[in-house]
PDB file of N, CA and C in Angstrom:
ATOM      1  N   MET A   1     -30.389 -32.162  -9.679  1.00  0.00           N
ATOM      2  CA  MET A   1     -30.666 -30.996  -8.884  1.00  0.00           C
ATOM      3  C   MET A   1     -31.378 -29.973  -9.771  1.00  0.00           C
ATOM      4  N   LYS A   2     -32.388 -29.312  -9.224  1.00  0.00           N
ATOM      5  CA  LYS A   2     -33.137 -28.317  -9.989  1.00  0.00           C
ATOM      6  C   LYS A   2     -32.254 -27.105 -10.287  1.00  0.00           C
ATOM      7  N   PRO A   3     -32.469 -26.467 -11.447  1.00  0.00           N
ATOM      8  CA  PRO A   3     -31.679 -25.282 -11.806  1.00  0.00           C
ATOM      9  C   PRO A   3     -31.783 -24.163 -10.774  1.00  0.00           C
ATOM     10  N   SER A   4     -32.961 -23.936 -10.195  1.00  0.00           N
ATOM     11  CA  SER A   4     -33.111 -22.844  -9.225  1.00  0.00           C
ATOM     12  C   SER A   4     -32.322 -23.144  -7.950  1.00  0.00           C
ATOM     13  N   LEU A   5     -32.227 -24.413  -7.561  1.00  0.00           N
ATOM     14  CA  LEU A   5     -31.452 -24.790  -6.383  1.00  0.00           C
ATOM     15  C   LEU A   5     -29.958 -24.619  -6.648  1.00  0.00           C
ATOM     16  N   LYS A   6     -29.519 -24.974  -7.863  1.00  0.00           N
ATOM     17  CA  LYS A   6     -28.117 -24.782  -8.233  1.00  0.00           C
ATOM     18  C   LYS A   6     -27.744 -23.294  -8.176  1.00  0.00           C
ATOM     19  N   PHE A   7     -28.650 -22.473  -8.710  1.00  0.00           N
ATOM     20  CA  PHE A   7     -28.413 -21.035  -8.711  1.00  0.00           C
ATOM     21  C   PHE A   7     -28.324 -20.510  -7.274  1.00  0.00           C
ATOM     22  N   SER A   8     -29.231 -20.937  -6.414  1.00  0.00           N
ATOM     23  CA  SER A   8     -29.234 -20.491  -5.011  1.00  0.00           C
ATOM     24  C   SER A   8     -27.947 -20.900  -4.307  1.00  0.00           C
ATOM     25  N   LEU A   9     -27.494 -22.113  -4.551  1.00  0.00           N
ATOM     26  CA  LEU A   9     -26.250 -22.577  -3.942  1.00  0.00           C
ATOM     27  C   LEU A   9     -25.056 -21.773  -4.456  1.00  0.00           C
ATOM     28  N   ALA A  10     -25.063 -21.471  -5.749  1.00  0.00           N
ATOM     29  CA  ALA A  10     -23.965 -20.693  -6.330  1.00  0.00           C
ATOM     30  C   ALA A  10     -23.920 -19.291  -5.732  1.00  0.00           C
ATOM     31  N   VAL A  11     -25.080 -18.642  -5.604  1.00  0.00           N
ATOM     32  CA  VAL A  11     -25.150 -17.290  -5.041  1.00  0.00           C
ATOM     33  C   VAL A  11     -24.695 -17.307  -3.583  1.00  0.00           C
ATOM     34  N   THR A  12     -25.142 -18.292  -2.833  1.00  0.00           N
ATOM     35  CA  THR A  12     -24.748 -18.410  -1.429  1.00  0.00           C
ATOM     36  C   THR A  12     -23.247 -18.624  -1.306  1.00  0.00           C
ATOM     37  N   SER A  13     -22.690 -19.470  -2.161  1.00  0.00           N
ATOM     38  CA  SER A  13     -21.245 -19.731  -2.128  1.00  0.00           C
ATOM     39  C   SER A  13     -20.447 -18.469  -2.418  1.00  0.00           C
ATOM     40  N   VAL A  14     -20.859 -17.717  -3.419  1.00  0.00           N
ATOM     41  CA  VAL A  14     -20.165 -16.472  -3.769  1.00  0.00           C
ATOM     42  C   VAL A  14     -20.264 -15.477  -2.617  1.00  0.00           C
ATOM     43  N   ALA A  15     -21.442 -15.375  -2.013  1.00  0.00           N
ATOM     44  CA  ALA A  15     -21.630 -14.445  -0.895  1.00  0.00           C
ATOM     45  C   ALA A  15     -20.715 -14.809   0.272  1.00  0.00           C
ATOM     46  N   LEU A  16     -20.591 -16.081   0.576  1.00  0.00           N
ATOM     47  CA  LEU A  16     -19.721 -16.512   1.670  1.00  0.00           C
ATOM     48  C   LEU A  16     -18.253 -16.245   1.357  1.00  0.00           C
ATOM     49  N   ILE A  17     -17.864 -16.456   0.124  1.00  0.00           N
ATOM     50  CA  ILE A  17     -16.477 -16.183  -0.274  1.00  0.00           C
ATOM     51  C   ILE A  17     -16.182 -14.694  -0.159  1.00  0.00           C
ATOM     52  N   LEU A  18     -17.087 -13.862  -0.666  1.00  0.00           N
ATOM     53  CA  LEU A  18     -16.875 -12.419  -0.604  1.00  0.00           C
ATOM     54  C   LEU A  18     -16.897 -11.909   0.826  1.00  0.00           C
ATOM     55  N   ALA A  19     -17.710 -12.485   1.671  1.00  0.00           N
ATOM     56  CA  ALA A  19     -17.777 -12.058   3.069  1.00  0.00           C
ATOM     57  C   ALA A  19     -16.426 -12.260   3.747  1.00  0.00           C
ATOM     58  N   GLY A  20     -15.705 -13.278   3.368  1.00  0.00           N
ATOM     59  CA  GLY A  20     -14.389 -13.514   3.933  1.00  0.00           C
ATOM     60  C   GLY A  20     -13.348 -12.529   3.437  1.00  0.00           C
ATOM     61  N   CYS A  21     -13.613 -11.853   2.330  1.00  0.00           N
ATOM     62  CA  CYS A  21     -12.658 -10.897   1.758  1.00  0.00           C
ATOM     63  C   CYS A  21     -12.808  -9.498   2.342  1.00  0.00           C
ATOM     64  N   VAL A  22     -13.913  -9.235   2.981  1.00  0.00           N
ATOM     65  CA  VAL A  22     -14.183  -7.907   3.511  1.00  0.00           C
ATOM     66  C   VAL A  22     -13.734  -7.862   4.970  1.00  0.00           C
ATOM     67  N   THR A  23     -12.895  -6.891   5.292  1.00  0.00           N
ATOM     68  CA  THR A  23     -12.450  -6.745   6.666  1.00  0.00           C
ATOM     69  C   THR A  23     -12.832  -5.363   7.171  1.00  0.00           C
ATOM     70  N   ALA A  24     -13.231  -5.302   8.418  1.00  0.00           N
ATOM     71  CA  ALA A  24     -13.567  -4.025   9.036  1.00  0.00           C
ATOM     72  C   ALA A  24     -12.328  -3.507   9.750  1.00  0.00           C
ATOM     73  N   HIS A  25     -12.092  -2.212   9.662  1.00  0.00           N
ATOM     74  CA  HIS A  25     -10.937  -1.604  10.316  1.00  0.00           C
ATOM     75  C   HIS A  25     -11.408  -0.718  11.452  1.00  0.00           C
ATOM     76  N   ASN A  26     -10.626  -0.701  12.494  1.00  0.00           N
ATOM     77  CA  ASN A  26     -10.731   0.345  13.498  1.00  0.00           C
ATOM     78  C   ASN A  26      -9.648   1.338  13.134  1.00  0.00           C
ATOM     79  N   TRP A  27      -9.939   2.610  13.246  1.00  0.00           N
ATOM     80  CA  TRP A  27      -9.028   3.649  12.770  1.00  0.00           C
ATOM     81  C   TRP A  27      -8.457   4.443  13.934  1.00  0.00           C
ATOM     82  N   GLU A  28      -7.260   4.940  13.734  1.00  0.00           N
ATOM     83  CA  GLU A  28      -6.712   5.961  14.617  1.00  0.00           C
ATOM     84  C   GLU A  28      -6.582   7.229  13.779  1.00  0.00           C
ATOM     85  N   TYR A  29      -6.738   8.372  14.442  1.00  0.00           N
ATOM     86  CA  TYR A  29      -6.751   9.650  13.738  1.00  0.00           C
ATOM     87  C   TYR A  29      -5.667  10.563  14.291  1.00  0.00           C
ATOM     88  N   ARG A  30      -5.196  11.442  13.444  1.00  0.00           N
ATOM     89  CA  ARG A  30      -4.200  12.429  13.841  1.00  0.00           C
ATOM     90  C   ARG A  30      -4.581  13.757  13.201  1.00  0.00           C
ATOM     91  N   THR A  31      -4.541  14.815  14.011  1.00  0.00           N
ATOM     92  CA  THR A  31      -4.816  16.161  13.515  1.00  0.00           C
ATOM     93  C   THR A  31      -3.546  16.980  13.620  1.00  0.00           C
ATOM     94  N   ARG A  32      -3.268  17.704  12.572  1.00  0.00           N
ATOM     95  CA  ARG A  32      -2.106  18.596  12.581  1.00  0.00           C
ATOM     96  C   ARG A  32      -2.556  19.968  12.108  1.00  0.00           C
ATOM     97  N   THR A  33      -2.301  20.991  12.933  1.00  0.00           N
ATOM     98  CA  THR A  33      -2.640  22.367  12.595  1.00  0.00           C
ATOM     99  C   THR A  33      -1.339  23.147  12.459  1.00  0.00           C
ATOM    100  N   THR A  34      -1.206  23.850  11.345  1.00  0.00           N
ATOM    101  CA  THR A  34       0.026  24.586  11.052  1.00  0.00           C
ATOM    102  C   THR A  34      -0.284  26.006  10.605  1.00  0.00           C
ATOM    103  N   GLN A  35       0.739  26.847  10.613  1.00  0.00           N
ATOM    104  CA  GLN A  35       0.607  28.223  10.125  1.00  0.00           C
ATOM    105  C   GLN A  35       0.852  28.294   8.625  1.00  0.00           C
ATOM    106  N   GLN A  36       1.507  27.266   8.078  1.00  0.00           N
ATOM    107  CA  GLN A  36       1.793  27.206   6.648  1.00  0.00           C
ATOM    108  C   GLN A  36       1.331  25.865   6.108  1.00  0.00           C
ATOM    109  N   ARG A  37       1.113  25.809   4.825  1.00  0.00           N
ATOM    110  CA  ARG A  37       0.712  24.544   4.211  1.00  0.00           C
ATOM    111  C   ARG A  37       1.818  23.512   4.328  1.00  0.00           C
ATOM    112  N   ILE A  38       1.410  22.263   4.484  1.00  0.00           N
ATOM    113  CA  ILE A  38       2.372  21.156   4.535  1.00  0.00           C
ATOM    114  C   ILE A  38       2.764  20.810   3.104  1.00  0.00           C
ATOM    115  N   GLY A  39       4.050  20.637   2.886  1.00  0.00           N
ATOM    116  CA  GLY A  39       4.540  20.318   1.553  1.00  0.00           C
ATOM    117  C   GLY A  39       4.438  18.834   1.219  1.00  0.00           C
ATOM    118  N   LYS A  40       4.705  18.522  -0.033  1.00  0.00           N
ATOM    119  CA  LYS A  40       4.622  17.151  -0.535  1.00  0.00           C
ATOM    120  C   LYS A  40       5.540  16.209   0.223  1.00  0.00           C
ATOM    121  N   THR A  41       6.724  16.672   0.574  1.00  0.00           N
ATOM    122  CA  THR A  41       7.686  15.812   1.278  1.00  0.00           C
ATOM    123  C   THR A  41       7.115  15.323   2.612  1.00  0.00           C
ATOM    124  N   ILE A  42       6.522  16.219   3.373  1.00  0.00           N
ATOM    125  CA  ILE A  42       5.936  15.836   4.665  1.00  0.00           C
ATOM    126  C   ILE A  42       4.724  14.934   4.456  1.00  0.00           C
ATOM    127  N   LEU A  43       3.893  15.246   3.467  1.00  0.00           N
ATOM    128  CA  LEU A  43       2.739  14.385   3.181  1.00  0.00           C
ATOM    129  C   LEU A  43       3.190  12.982   2.777  1.00  0.00           C
ATOM    130  N   ASP A  44       4.269  12.901   1.997  1.00  0.00           N
ATOM    131  CA  ASP A  44       4.812  11.590   1.612  1.00  0.00           C
ATOM    132  C   ASP A  44       5.301  10.816   2.837  1.00  0.00           C
ATOM    133  N   GLU A  45       5.917  11.516   3.797  1.00  0.00           N
ATOM    134  CA  GLU A  45       6.380  10.858   5.021  1.00  0.00           C
ATOM    135  C   GLU A  45       5.198  10.285   5.807  1.00  0.00           C
ATOM    136  N   TYR A  46       4.126  11.060   5.920  1.00  0.00           N
ATOM    137  CA  TYR A  46       2.920  10.559   6.587  1.00  0.00           C
ATOM    138  C   TYR A  46       2.393   9.320   5.857  1.00  0.00           C
ATOM    139  N   GLY A  47       2.363   9.380   4.546  1.00  0.00           N
ATOM    140  CA  GLY A  47       1.870   8.254   3.751  1.00  0.00           C
ATOM    141  C   GLY A  47       2.710   7.002   3.946  1.00  0.00           C
ATOM    142  N   LYS A  48       4.022   7.149   4.008  1.00  0.00           N
ATOM    143  CA  LYS A  48       4.900   5.998   4.230  1.00  0.00           C
ATOM    144  C   LYS A  48       4.668   5.378   5.609  1.00  0.00           C
ATOM    145  N   SER A  49       4.173   6.185   6.547  1.00  0.00           N
ATOM    146  CA  SER A  49       3.870   5.688   7.891  1.00  0.00           C
ATOM    147  C   SER A  49       2.447   5.133   7.983  1.00  0.00           C
ATOM    148  N   GLY A  50       1.750   5.097   6.840  1.00  0.00           N
ATOM    149  CA  GLY A  50       0.407   4.523   6.812  1.00  0.00           C
ATOM    150  C   GLY A  50      -0.728   5.509   6.988  1.00  0.00           C
ATOM    151  N   TRP A  51      -0.407   6.798   7.136  1.00  0.00           N
ATOM    152  CA  TRP A  51      -1.444   7.813   7.328  1.00  0.00           C
ATOM    153  C   TRP A  51      -2.037   8.233   5.989  1.00  0.00           C
ATOM    154  N   GLU A  52      -3.343   8.376   5.962  1.00  0.00           N
ATOM    155  CA  GLU A  52      -4.080   8.828   4.774  1.00  0.00           C
ATOM    156  C   GLU A  52      -4.745  10.160   5.105  1.00  0.00           C
ATOM    157  N   LEU A  53      -4.510  11.178   4.267  1.00  0.00           N
ATOM    158  CA  LEU A  53      -5.152  12.482   4.467  1.00  0.00           C
ATOM    159  C   LEU A  53      -6.621  12.357   4.130  1.00  0.00           C
ATOM    160  N   ILE A  54      -7.486  12.664   5.102  1.00  0.00           N
ATOM    161  CA  ILE A  54      -8.925  12.541   4.849  1.00  0.00           C
ATOM    162  C   ILE A  54      -9.638  13.887   4.841  1.00  0.00           C
ATOM    163  N   GLN A  55      -8.976  14.942   5.388  1.00  0.00           N
ATOM    164  CA  GLN A  55      -9.606  16.258   5.363  1.00  0.00           C
ATOM    165  C   GLN A  55      -8.542  17.334   5.481  1.00  0.00           C
ATOM    166  N   PHE A  56      -8.753  18.411   4.745  1.00  0.00           N
ATOM    167  CA  PHE A  56      -7.891  19.588   4.802  1.00  0.00           C
ATOM    168  C   PHE A  56      -8.800  20.793   4.908  1.00  0.00           C
ATOM    169  N   GLU A  57      -8.454  21.708   5.806  1.00  0.00           N
ATOM    170  CA  GLU A  57      -9.291  22.900   5.955  1.00  0.00           C
ATOM    171  C   GLU A  57      -8.405  24.113   6.205  1.00  0.00           C
ATOM    172  N   ARG A  58      -8.746  25.206   5.534  1.00  0.00           N
ATOM    173  CA  ARG A  58      -8.071  26.485   5.753  1.00  0.00           C
ATOM    174  C   ARG A  58      -8.963  27.286   6.695  1.00  0.00           C
ATOM    175  N   ILE A  59      -8.434  27.651   7.857  1.00  0.00           N
ATOM    176  CA  ILE A  59      -9.232  28.294   8.904  1.00  0.00           C
ATOM    177  C   ILE A  59      -8.762  29.737   9.083  1.00  0.00           C
ATOM    178  N   PRO A  60      -9.673  30.723   8.933  1.00  0.00           N
ATOM    179  CA  PRO A  60      -9.288  32.121   9.147  1.00  0.00           C
ATOM    180  C   PRO A  60      -8.884  32.346  10.605  1.00  0.00           C
ATOM    181  N   VAL A  61      -7.782  33.087  10.801  1.00  0.00           N
ATOM    182  CA  VAL A  61      -7.300  33.372  12.148  1.00  0.00           C
ATOM    183  C   VAL A  61      -7.880  34.683  12.664  1.00  0.00           C
ATOM    184  N   ASP A  62      -8.124  35.616  11.760  1.00  0.00           N
ATOM    185  CA  ASP A  62      -8.679  36.912  12.156  1.00  0.00           C
ATOM    186  C   ASP A  62      -9.764  37.327  11.170  1.00  0.00           C
ATOM    187  N   LYS A  63     -10.354  38.472  11.419  1.00  0.00           N
ATOM    188  CA  LYS A  63     -11.473  38.922  10.583  1.00  0.00           C
ATOM    189  C   LYS A  63     -11.037  39.552   9.265  1.00  0.00           C
ATOM    190  N   THR A  64      -9.750  39.775   9.070  1.00  0.00           N
ATOM    191  CA  THR A  64      -9.287  40.384   7.829  1.00  0.00           C
ATOM    192  C   THR A  64      -9.364  39.401   6.660  1.00  0.00           C
ATOM    193  N   GLY A  65      -9.320  38.109   6.967  1.00  0.00           N
ATOM    194  CA  GLY A  65      -9.381  37.112   5.910  1.00  0.00           C
ATOM    195  C   GLY A  65      -8.069  36.917   5.186  1.00  0.00           C
ATOM    196  N   THR A  66      -6.983  37.432   5.774  1.00  0.00           N
ATOM    197  CA  THR A  66      -5.684  37.278   5.127  1.00  0.00           C
ATOM    198  C   THR A  66      -4.745  36.334   5.879  1.00  0.00           C
ATOM    199  N   ASN A  67      -5.087  36.013   7.121  1.00  0.00           N
ATOM    200  CA  ASN A  67      -4.262  35.111   7.921  1.00  0.00           C
ATOM    201  C   ASN A  67      -5.037  33.823   8.194  1.00  0.00           C
ATOM    202  N   TYR A  68      -4.366  32.713   7.958  1.00  0.00           N
ATOM    203  CA  TYR A  68      -5.022  31.416   8.087  1.00  0.00           C
ATOM    204  C   TYR A  68      -4.162  30.426   8.850  1.00  0.00           C
ATOM    205  N   GLN A  69      -4.829  29.437   9.421  1.00  0.00           N
ATOM    206  CA  GLN A  69      -4.199  28.220   9.902  1.00  0.00           C
ATOM    207  C   GLN A  69      -4.663  27.110   8.977  1.00  0.00           C
ATOM    208  N   PHE A  70      -3.872  26.072   8.884  1.00  0.00           N
ATOM    209  CA  PHE A  70      -4.217  24.952   8.024  1.00  0.00           C
ATOM    210  C   PHE A  70      -4.344  23.702   8.889  1.00  0.00           C
ATOM    211  N   GLU A  71      -5.491  23.063   8.811  1.00  0.00           N
ATOM    212  CA  GLU A  71      -5.735  21.866   9.618  1.00  0.00           C
ATOM    213  C   GLU A  71      -5.808  20.651   8.706  1.00  0.00           C
ATOM    214  N   TYR A  72      -5.040  19.642   9.055  1.00  0.00           N
ATOM    215  CA  TYR A  72      -4.986  18.382   8.310  1.00  0.00           C
ATOM    216  C   TYR A  72      -5.451  17.274   9.234  1.00  0.00           C
ATOM    217  N   ILE A  73      -6.330  16.423   8.741  1.00  0.00           N
ATOM    218  CA  ILE A  73      -6.774  15.270   9.518  1.00  0.00           C
ATOM    219  C   ILE A  73      -6.392  14.017   8.732  1.00  0.00           C
ATOM    220  N   PHE A  74      -5.698  13.117   9.416  1.00  0.00           N
ATOM    221  CA  PHE A  74      -5.219  11.869   8.826  1.00  0.00           C
ATOM    222  C   PHE A  74      -5.839  10.686   9.559  1.00  0.00           C
ATOM    223  N   LYS A  75      -5.895   9.553   8.887  1.00  0.00           N
ATOM    224  CA  LYS A  75      -6.315   8.306   9.539  1.00  0.00           C
ATOM    225  C   LYS A  75      -5.460   7.158   9.026  1.00  0.00           C
ATOM    226  N   ARG A  76      -5.367   6.094   9.844  1.00  0.00           N
ATOM    227  CA  ARG A  76      -4.718   4.863   9.429  1.00  0.00           C
ATOM    228  C   ARG A  76      -5.322   3.717  10.238  1.00  0.00           C
ATOM    229  N   PRO A  77      -5.252   2.516   9.707  1.00  0.00           N
ATOM    230  CA  PRO A  77      -5.795   1.382  10.464  1.00  0.00           C
ATOM    231  C   PRO A  77      -5.093   1.237  11.812  1.00  0.00           C
ATOM    232  N   LEU A  78      -5.880   0.992  12.830  1.00  0.00           N
ATOM    233  CA  LEU A  78      -5.340   0.777  14.168  1.00  0.00           C
ATOM    234  C   LEU A  78      -4.568  -0.516  14.203  1.00  0.00           C
ATOM    235  N   LYS A  79      -3.375  -0.477  14.733  1.00  0.00           N
ATOM    236  CA  LYS A  79      -2.521  -1.659  14.760  1.00  0.00           C
ATOM    237  C   LYS A  79      -2.721  -2.467  16.029  1.00  0.00           C
TER     238      LYS A  79
END
């Protein structure tokens, strides 16, 4: 067998093996808005349930800039 053909077969084989290792997920999302920041204990509980924090935002409630709401967005693979 020619060396270039062996190489092509090897590359194709690796690509097929790797393609089987990659899985696509459908996600479910959860948003939680609070008046106070969520503590580590609550974040750990979300994590144990499979939720991953993907975004955190501090949102001004009024024009003074001293009152805020906190928005957390989580995701996890759809079961």
